[in-house]
């Protein structure tokens, strides 16, 4: 399964970035092999508006089936839901730890955004 994990750096041992749309990096990780692609998210992170929507579109295009992050706003959540990408929020630790927690069933999926919209 392909997971998208927000990260403060481009490595598996980077800390999970609690922000989704404005995360520094988003790692697209194969849950079984731990092979990954680090996507520099600075274009979205520096966007005036729509960062979450753009990040959600990007991870959908990369084939992610699940997003592991700290916080996800309502507009991004709506795009993820439409793309049938499950969201586990309030995730912390390193990317490697988050992937392991997901693989072992320790993370629950959410059915709504857990951050306010930014206007």
N, C-alpha and C. Protein backbone atom coordinates (compact mmCIF):
# COMPACT_ATOMS: atom_id res chain seq x y z
N UNK A 1 0.84 -1.18 0.00
CA UNK A 1 0.00 0.00 0.00
C UNK A 1 0.89 1.25 0.00
N UNK A 2 0.48 2.24 -0.77
CA UNK A 2 1.22 3.51 -0.83
C UNK A 2 0.67 4.48 0.19
N UNK A 3 1.56 5.00 1.03
CA UNK A 3 1.19 5.97 2.04
C UNK A 3 1.84 7.31 1.72
N UNK A 4 1.13 8.39 1.96
CA UNK A 4 1.69 9.74 1.89
C UNK A 4 1.87 10.18 3.34
N UNK A 5 3.09 10.60 3.69
CA UNK A 5 3.37 11.01 5.06
C UNK A 5 4.00 12.40 5.03
N UNK A 6 3.42 13.33 5.76
CA UNK A 6 3.99 14.68 5.83
C UNK A 6 5.26 14.63 6.67
N UNK A 7 6.29 15.34 6.23
CA UNK A 7 7.59 15.24 6.90
C UNK A 7 8.32 16.57 6.93
N UNK A 8 9.16 16.73 7.95
CA UNK A 8 9.99 17.93 8.08
C UNK A 8 11.29 17.81 7.29
N UNK A 9 11.59 16.62 6.77
CA UNK A 9 12.78 16.39 5.98
C UNK A 9 12.53 15.31 4.96
N UNK A 10 13.52 15.03 4.10
CA UNK A 10 13.32 14.10 2.98
C UNK A 10 13.67 12.64 3.27
N UNK A 11 13.78 12.25 4.54
CA UNK A 11 14.20 10.89 4.89
C UNK A 11 13.15 10.18 5.75
N UNK A 12 13.24 8.85 5.79
CA UNK A 12 12.32 8.06 6.62
C UNK A 12 12.47 8.39 8.11
N UNK A 13 13.66 8.84 8.52
CA UNK A 13 13.87 9.17 9.92
C UNK A 13 13.59 10.63 10.24
N UNK A 14 13.02 11.36 9.28
CA UNK A 14 12.58 12.74 9.51
C UNK A 14 11.33 12.71 10.38
N UNK A 15 11.15 13.78 11.15
CA UNK A 15 9.94 13.91 11.97
C UNK A 15 8.73 14.15 11.08
N UNK A 16 7.59 13.62 11.50
CA UNK A 16 6.33 13.90 10.82
C UNK A 16 6.03 15.38 10.98
N UNK A 17 5.71 16.05 9.89
CA UNK A 17 5.30 17.46 9.94
C UNK A 17 3.81 17.47 10.26
N UNK A 18 3.39 18.18 11.31
CA UNK A 18 1.97 18.15 11.67
C UNK A 18 1.06 18.82 10.64
N UNK A 19 1.63 19.64 9.77
CA UNK A 19 0.83 20.35 8.76
C UNK A 19 0.72 19.48 7.51
N UNK A 20 -0.43 19.50 6.88
CA UNK A 20 -0.56 18.76 5.63
C UNK A 20 -0.18 19.64 4.44
N UNK A 21 -1.00 20.60 4.11
CA UNK A 21 -0.77 21.41 2.92
C UNK A 21 0.52 22.19 2.94
N UNK A 22 0.98 22.58 4.12
CA UNK A 22 2.18 23.40 4.24
C UNK A 22 3.37 22.62 4.82
N UNK A 23 3.31 21.30 4.75
CA UNK A 23 4.44 20.47 5.18
C UNK A 23 5.64 20.75 4.28
N UNK A 24 6.84 20.63 4.84
CA UNK A 24 8.05 20.86 4.05
C UNK A 24 8.19 19.79 2.96
N UNK A 25 7.94 18.55 3.33
CA UNK A 25 8.03 17.43 2.39
C UNK A 25 6.83 16.53 2.58
N UNK A 26 6.52 15.79 1.55
CA UNK A 26 5.55 14.70 1.65
C UNK A 26 6.25 13.48 1.07
N UNK A 27 6.41 12.45 1.90
CA UNK A 27 7.05 11.23 1.45
C UNK A 27 5.97 10.25 0.99
N UNK A 28 6.15 9.71 -0.20
CA UNK A 28 5.26 8.68 -0.72
C UNK A 28 5.99 7.36 -0.46
N UNK A 29 5.46 6.58 0.48
CA UNK A 29 6.17 5.41 0.99
C UNK A 29 5.41 4.13 0.66
N UNK A 30 6.12 3.13 0.13
CA UNK A 30 5.55 1.80 -0.02
C UNK A 30 5.62 1.14 1.36
N UNK A 31 4.47 0.84 1.92
CA UNK A 31 4.39 0.33 3.29
C UNK A 31 5.17 -0.97 3.50
N UNK A 32 5.23 -1.81 2.49
CA UNK A 32 5.89 -3.11 2.65
C UNK A 32 7.39 -3.05 2.45
N UNK A 33 7.85 -2.38 1.40
CA UNK A 33 9.29 -2.37 1.09
C UNK A 33 10.02 -1.18 1.71
N UNK A 34 9.26 -0.17 2.16
CA UNK A 34 9.81 1.09 2.68
C UNK A 34 10.56 1.89 1.61
N UNK A 35 10.40 1.52 0.34
CA UNK A 35 10.95 2.39 -0.71
C UNK A 35 10.09 3.64 -0.71
N UNK A 36 10.70 4.78 -1.04
CA UNK A 36 9.94 6.03 -0.96
C UNK A 36 10.44 7.07 -1.94
N UNK A 37 9.57 8.03 -2.19
CA UNK A 37 9.91 9.21 -2.97
C UNK A 37 9.65 10.41 -2.07
N UNK A 38 10.65 11.26 -1.91
CA UNK A 38 10.47 12.49 -1.12
C UNK A 38 10.08 13.61 -2.07
N UNK A 39 8.91 14.18 -1.86
CA UNK A 39 8.42 15.26 -2.71
C UNK A 39 8.59 16.58 -1.95
N UNK A 40 9.35 17.49 -2.54
CA UNK A 40 9.53 18.82 -1.95
C UNK A 40 8.20 19.56 -2.12
N UNK A 41 7.60 19.91 -1.01
CA UNK A 41 6.28 20.54 -1.03
C UNK A 41 6.36 22.06 -0.88
N UNK A 42 7.53 22.65 -1.12
CA UNK A 42 7.70 24.09 -0.87
C UNK A 42 6.79 24.95 -1.74
N UNK A 43 6.49 24.52 -2.95
CA UNK A 43 5.60 25.30 -3.80
C UNK A 43 4.22 25.43 -3.16
N UNK A 44 3.73 24.34 -2.59
CA UNK A 44 2.44 24.38 -1.89
C UNK A 44 2.58 25.09 -0.55
N UNK A 45 3.65 24.83 0.17
CA UNK A 45 3.85 25.43 1.49
C UNK A 45 3.89 26.94 1.43
N UNK A 46 4.39 27.49 0.34
CA UNK A 46 4.51 28.94 0.19
C UNK A 46 3.35 29.57 -0.57
N UNK A 47 2.38 28.77 -0.94
CA UNK A 47 1.23 29.29 -1.69
C UNK A 47 0.40 30.22 -0.82
N UNK A 48 -0.16 31.26 -1.42
CA UNK A 48 -1.00 32.21 -0.70
C UNK A 48 -2.24 31.51 -0.16
N UNK A 49 -2.86 30.67 -1.00
CA UNK A 49 -4.03 29.90 -0.57
C UNK A 49 -4.09 28.62 -1.39
N UNK A 50 -4.89 27.68 -0.91
CA UNK A 50 -5.09 26.43 -1.65
C UNK A 50 -4.00 25.39 -1.45
N UNK A 51 -3.14 25.58 -0.43
CA UNK A 51 -2.02 24.64 -0.23
C UNK A 51 -2.51 23.21 0.01
N UNK A 52 -3.53 23.06 0.84
CA UNK A 52 -4.05 21.73 1.15
C UNK A 52 -4.68 21.06 -0.06
N UNK A 53 -5.42 21.83 -0.82
CA UNK A 53 -6.06 21.29 -2.02
C UNK A 53 -5.00 20.83 -3.02
N UNK A 54 -3.96 21.66 -3.22
CA UNK A 54 -2.89 21.31 -4.15
C UNK A 54 -2.12 20.07 -3.67
N UNK A 55 -1.84 20.01 -2.37
CA UNK A 55 -1.12 18.85 -1.83
C UNK A 55 -1.98 17.58 -1.96
N UNK A 56 -3.28 17.71 -1.72
CA UNK A 56 -4.17 16.55 -1.84
C UNK A 56 -4.21 16.04 -3.28
N UNK A 57 -4.26 16.96 -4.23
CA UNK A 57 -4.26 16.59 -5.65
C UNK A 57 -2.95 15.88 -6.00
N UNK A 58 -1.83 16.40 -5.49
CA UNK A 58 -0.52 15.82 -5.79
C UNK A 58 -0.41 14.39 -5.25
N UNK A 59 -0.83 14.16 -4.00
CA UNK A 59 -0.67 12.80 -3.46
C UNK A 59 -1.61 11.82 -4.16
N UNK A 60 -2.75 12.32 -4.62
CA UNK A 60 -3.66 11.47 -5.40
C UNK A 60 -2.99 11.07 -6.71
N UNK A 61 -2.36 12.03 -7.37
CA UNK A 61 -1.66 11.74 -8.63
C UNK A 61 -0.50 10.78 -8.43
N UNK A 62 0.10 10.78 -7.23
CA UNK A 62 1.22 9.88 -6.92
C UNK A 62 0.73 8.48 -6.54
N UNK A 63 -0.59 8.30 -6.44
CA UNK A 63 -1.14 6.98 -6.16
C UNK A 63 -1.25 6.61 -4.69
N UNK A 64 -1.15 7.61 -3.81
CA UNK A 64 -1.28 7.31 -2.38
C UNK A 64 -2.69 6.86 -2.05
N UNK A 65 -2.80 5.88 -1.16
CA UNK A 65 -4.09 5.38 -0.73
C UNK A 65 -4.46 5.86 0.66
N UNK A 66 -3.44 6.30 1.42
CA UNK A 66 -3.62 6.75 2.80
C UNK A 66 -2.70 7.95 3.04
N UNK A 67 -3.19 8.92 3.81
CA UNK A 67 -2.39 10.06 4.25
C UNK A 67 -2.18 9.94 5.75
N UNK A 68 -0.92 10.05 6.18
CA UNK A 68 -0.58 10.11 7.60
C UNK A 68 -0.05 11.51 7.87
N UNK A 69 -0.72 12.25 8.76
CA UNK A 69 -0.36 13.64 9.03
C UNK A 69 -0.81 14.03 10.43
N UNK A 70 -0.50 15.26 10.80
CA UNK A 70 -0.97 15.78 12.08
C UNK A 70 -2.35 16.38 11.94
N UNK A 71 -2.44 17.39 11.06
CA UNK A 71 -3.69 18.12 10.89
C UNK A 71 -4.06 18.23 9.42
N UNK A 72 -5.35 18.15 9.16
CA UNK A 72 -5.86 18.26 7.79
C UNK A 72 -7.10 19.14 7.82
N UNK A 73 -7.09 20.21 7.02
CA UNK A 73 -8.20 21.14 6.97
C UNK A 73 -9.37 20.61 6.15
N UNK A 74 -10.52 21.29 6.23
CA UNK A 74 -11.74 20.79 5.58
C UNK A 74 -11.69 20.75 4.05
N UNK A 75 -11.07 21.72 3.42
CA UNK A 75 -11.02 21.73 1.96
C UNK A 75 -10.13 20.60 1.44
N UNK A 76 -8.97 20.43 2.07
CA UNK A 76 -8.08 19.32 1.69
C UNK A 76 -8.75 17.98 1.97
N UNK A 77 -9.41 17.88 3.13
CA UNK A 77 -10.08 16.62 3.48
C UNK A 77 -11.13 16.26 2.44
N UNK A 78 -11.84 17.27 1.95
CA UNK A 78 -12.88 17.03 0.93
C UNK A 78 -12.27 16.47 -0.35
N UNK A 79 -11.13 17.01 -0.77
CA UNK A 79 -10.45 16.52 -1.97
C UNK A 79 -9.95 15.09 -1.74
N UNK A 80 -9.37 14.83 -0.57
CA UNK A 80 -8.87 13.49 -0.25
C UNK A 80 -10.02 12.48 -0.23
N UNK A 81 -11.12 12.87 0.37
CA UNK A 81 -12.28 11.99 0.43
C UNK A 81 -12.80 11.66 -0.97
N UNK A 82 -12.85 12.67 -1.84
CA UNK A 82 -13.30 12.46 -3.22
C UNK A 82 -12.36 11.52 -3.97
N UNK A 83 -11.07 11.57 -3.63
CA UNK A 83 -10.07 10.70 -4.27
C UNK A 83 -9.98 9.33 -3.59
N UNK A 84 -10.83 9.11 -2.59
CA UNK A 84 -10.85 7.85 -1.83
C UNK A 84 -9.53 7.57 -1.13
N UNK A 85 -8.90 8.64 -0.62
CA UNK A 85 -7.67 8.52 0.17
C UNK A 85 -8.07 8.62 1.64
N UNK A 86 -7.74 7.59 2.40
CA UNK A 86 -8.06 7.58 3.83
C UNK A 86 -7.06 8.48 4.57
N UNK A 87 -7.51 9.08 5.66
CA UNK A 87 -6.68 10.01 6.42
C UNK A 87 -6.56 9.53 7.87
N UNK A 88 -5.31 9.43 8.33
CA UNK A 88 -5.03 9.21 9.75
C UNK A 88 -4.36 10.48 10.23
N UNK A 89 -5.00 11.18 11.16
CA UNK A 89 -4.45 12.44 11.65
C UNK A 89 -3.94 12.27 13.08
N UNK A 90 -3.39 13.34 13.63
CA UNK A 90 -2.75 13.32 14.95
C UNK A 90 -1.58 12.35 14.99
N UNK A 91 -0.91 12.18 13.86
CA UNK A 91 0.24 11.28 13.76
C UNK A 91 1.50 12.05 14.15
N UNK A 92 2.39 11.41 14.90
CA UNK A 92 3.63 12.06 15.30
C UNK A 92 4.77 11.04 15.27
N UNK A 93 5.97 11.48 15.66
CA UNK A 93 7.16 10.61 15.60
C UNK A 93 7.87 10.79 14.28
N UNK A 94 8.63 9.79 13.89
CA UNK A 94 9.30 9.84 12.60
C UNK A 94 8.40 9.22 11.53
N UNK A 95 8.75 9.46 10.29
CA UNK A 95 8.00 8.87 9.18
C UNK A 95 8.06 7.34 9.31
N UNK A 96 9.23 6.81 9.60
CA UNK A 96 9.40 5.35 9.74
C UNK A 96 8.47 4.81 10.83
N UNK A 97 8.40 5.51 11.97
CA UNK A 97 7.53 5.08 13.08
C UNK A 97 6.06 5.17 12.69
N UNK A 98 5.70 6.22 11.96
CA UNK A 98 4.30 6.38 11.52
C UNK A 98 3.89 5.26 10.57
N UNK A 99 4.78 4.91 9.64
CA UNK A 99 4.50 3.82 8.70
C UNK A 99 4.34 2.50 9.46
N UNK A 100 5.23 2.25 10.42
CA UNK A 100 5.16 1.02 11.22
C UNK A 100 3.86 0.98 12.03
N UNK A 101 3.45 2.12 12.59
CA UNK A 101 2.21 2.18 13.36
C UNK A 101 1.01 1.90 12.46
N UNK A 102 1.04 2.42 11.24
CA UNK A 102 -0.06 2.15 10.30
C UNK A 102 -0.09 0.67 9.93
N UNK A 103 1.07 0.14 9.63
CA UNK A 103 1.15 -1.26 9.19
C UNK A 103 0.65 -2.21 10.27
N UNK A 104 0.90 -1.87 11.55
CA UNK A 104 0.48 -2.74 12.64
C UNK A 104 -0.94 -2.45 13.13
N UNK A 105 -1.63 -1.53 12.44
CA UNK A 105 -3.02 -1.26 12.78
C UNK A 105 -3.22 -0.34 13.98
N UNK A 106 -2.19 0.39 14.37
CA UNK A 106 -2.29 1.27 15.54
C UNK A 106 -2.92 2.63 15.24
N UNK A 107 -3.06 2.97 13.97
CA UNK A 107 -3.61 4.27 13.60
C UNK A 107 -5.05 4.12 13.12
N UNK A 108 -5.90 5.02 13.58
CA UNK A 108 -7.31 5.01 13.16
C UNK A 108 -7.51 6.06 12.07
N UNK A 109 -8.39 5.76 11.15
CA UNK A 109 -8.74 6.73 10.11
C UNK A 109 -9.79 7.69 10.67
N UNK A 110 -9.72 8.92 10.21
CA UNK A 110 -10.69 9.92 10.64
C UNK A 110 -11.76 10.10 9.57
N UNK A 111 -12.91 10.60 9.99
CA UNK A 111 -13.98 10.83 9.02
C UNK A 111 -14.28 12.32 8.84
N UNK A 112 -13.37 13.16 9.36
CA UNK A 112 -13.57 14.60 9.19
C UNK A 112 -12.24 15.33 9.37
N UNK A 113 -12.21 16.57 8.93
CA UNK A 113 -11.03 17.42 9.10
C UNK A 113 -10.81 17.68 10.59
N UNK A 114 -9.55 17.93 10.97
CA UNK A 114 -9.27 18.25 12.37
C UNK A 114 -8.53 19.59 12.50
N UNK A 115 -8.66 20.43 11.46
CA UNK A 115 -8.09 21.78 11.49
C UNK A 115 -9.09 22.73 10.85
N UNK A 116 -8.99 23.99 11.22
CA UNK A 116 -9.88 25.02 10.67
C UNK A 116 -9.46 25.38 9.25
N UNK A 117 -10.41 25.84 8.49
CA UNK A 117 -10.10 26.36 7.15
C UNK A 117 -9.34 27.67 7.29
N UNK A 118 -8.44 27.94 6.35
CA UNK A 118 -7.69 29.19 6.33
C UNK A 118 -8.27 30.08 5.24
N UNK A 119 -8.70 31.23 5.59
CA UNK A 119 -9.31 32.13 4.61
C UNK A 119 -8.42 33.21 4.27
